[in-house]
Amino acid sequence: MVPLLNAPSFSGIKLGPSQTVTVQVAVVSNNVPWRAEFEYTRDSCSDSLVNGLRMLPEQLRARATRTPVRVETHFIETEAVTSRP
């Protein structure tokens, strides 16, 4: 796993509906094809307050027990990419 080189924070890049972004990742400079897998979470603006209130008990419990909050994550994988020399 490598971090995004152009992410503004450790949390990554936040995108709104229909937004796109070009990301920069570190790769080994060889001509072997590779794939990138990105992890993301979804949070719609219309229900973010409802989700926040629903998650409040779990967030408080996580803070009290010093354990991470469970977040539903999704993955997307790129097609095979070959690095340019």
Protein backbone atom coordinates (compact mmCIF):
# COMPACT_ATOMS: atom_id res chain seq x y z
CA MET A 1 0.00 0.00 0.00
CA VAL A 2 1.30 3.45 -0.91
CA PRO A 3 -0.17 6.83 0.00
CA LEU A 4 -1.58 9.25 -2.52
CA LEU A 5 1.19 11.75 -3.24
CA ASN A 6 -1.17 14.65 -3.95
CA ALA A 7 -3.70 14.13 -1.13
CA PRO A 8 -4.25 17.30 0.93
CA SER A 9 -4.48 15.29 4.18
CA PHE A 10 -3.88 11.80 5.58
CA SER A 11 -7.58 11.11 5.07
CA GLY A 12 -7.17 11.34 1.31
CA ILE A 13 -9.12 13.36 -1.22
CA LYS A 14 -12.75 14.36 -0.70
CA LEU A 15 -14.90 14.42 -3.83
CA GLY A 16 -18.39 15.76 -4.32
CA PRO A 17 -21.01 14.31 -6.66
CA SER A 18 -19.81 14.08 -10.28
CA GLN A 19 -16.32 15.34 -9.39
CA THR A 20 -13.18 13.69 -10.71
CA VAL A 21 -9.56 13.93 -9.67
CA THR A 22 -6.20 12.78 -10.98
CA VAL A 23 -4.17 11.07 -8.27
CA GLN A 24 -0.45 10.60 -8.04
CA VAL A 25 0.98 7.34 -6.65
CA ALA A 26 4.56 6.17 -6.27
CA VAL A 27 5.51 3.30 -8.58
CA VAL A 28 8.67 1.38 -9.34
CA SER A 29 10.10 2.52 -12.67
CA ASN A 30 9.98 -0.73 -14.59
CA ASN A 31 7.84 -1.83 -17.50
CA VAL A 32 5.92 -4.50 -15.59
CA PRO A 33 2.14 -3.89 -15.77
CA TRP A 34 0.51 -3.10 -12.42
CA ARG A 35 -2.91 -2.19 -11.03
CA ALA A 36 -3.96 0.30 -8.39
CA GLU A 37 -6.74 -0.41 -5.91
CA PHE A 38 -8.42 2.54 -4.20
CA GLU A 39 -10.47 2.38 -1.03
CA TYR A 40 -13.30 4.85 -0.54
CA THR A 41 -16.24 5.61 1.72
CA ARG A 42 -19.55 7.15 0.70
CA ASP A 43 -21.26 10.00 2.52
CA SER A 44 -24.10 11.78 0.78
CA CYS A 45 -24.68 15.38 1.80
CA SER A 46 -28.42 14.84 2.16
CA ASP A 47 -28.05 12.28 4.93
CA SER A 48 -24.67 13.13 6.45
CA LEU A 49 -26.35 14.66 9.54
CA VAL A 50 -28.54 11.58 9.91
CA ASN A 51 -25.50 9.32 9.48
CA GLY A 52 -23.56 11.41 12.00
CA LEU A 53 -26.30 11.07 14.58
CA ARG A 54 -26.69 7.36 13.88
CA MET A 55 -22.93 6.83 14.28
CA LEU A 56 -22.63 8.98 17.43
CA PRO A 57 -22.98 6.12 19.96
CA GLU A 58 -20.37 4.07 18.10
CA GLN A 59 -18.02 7.06 17.83
CA LEU A 60 -18.33 7.77 21.56
CA ARG A 61 -17.75 4.08 22.39
CA ALA A 62 -14.71 4.00 20.09
CA ARG A 63 -13.30 7.12 21.70
CA ALA A 64 -13.84 5.71 25.20
CA THR A 65 -12.28 2.33 24.37
CA ARG A 66 -9.62 3.78 22.03
CA THR A 67 -10.68 1.54 19.17
CA PRO A 68 -11.34 2.56 15.55
CA VAL A 69 -14.81 3.40 14.31
CA ARG A 70 -16.22 0.88 11.87
CA VAL A 71 -16.76 2.54 8.49
CA GLU A 72 -18.21 0.82 5.43
CA THR A 73 -15.55 0.94 2.73
CA HIS A 74 -15.68 0.14 -0.96
CA PHE A 75 -12.91 -0.65 -3.43
CA ILE A 76 -12.26 0.16 -7.06
CA GLU A 77 -9.38 -1.23 -9.13
CA THR A 78 -7.78 0.25 -12.23
CA GLU A 79 -7.07 -1.56 -15.45
CA ALA A 80 -3.50 -2.77 -15.97
CA VAL A 81 -1.07 0.16 -16.24
CA THR A 82 2.50 0.19 -17.53
CA SER A 83 4.83 2.86 -16.14
CA ARG A 84 6.33 5.26 -18.61
CA PRO A 85 10.14 5.44 -18.76
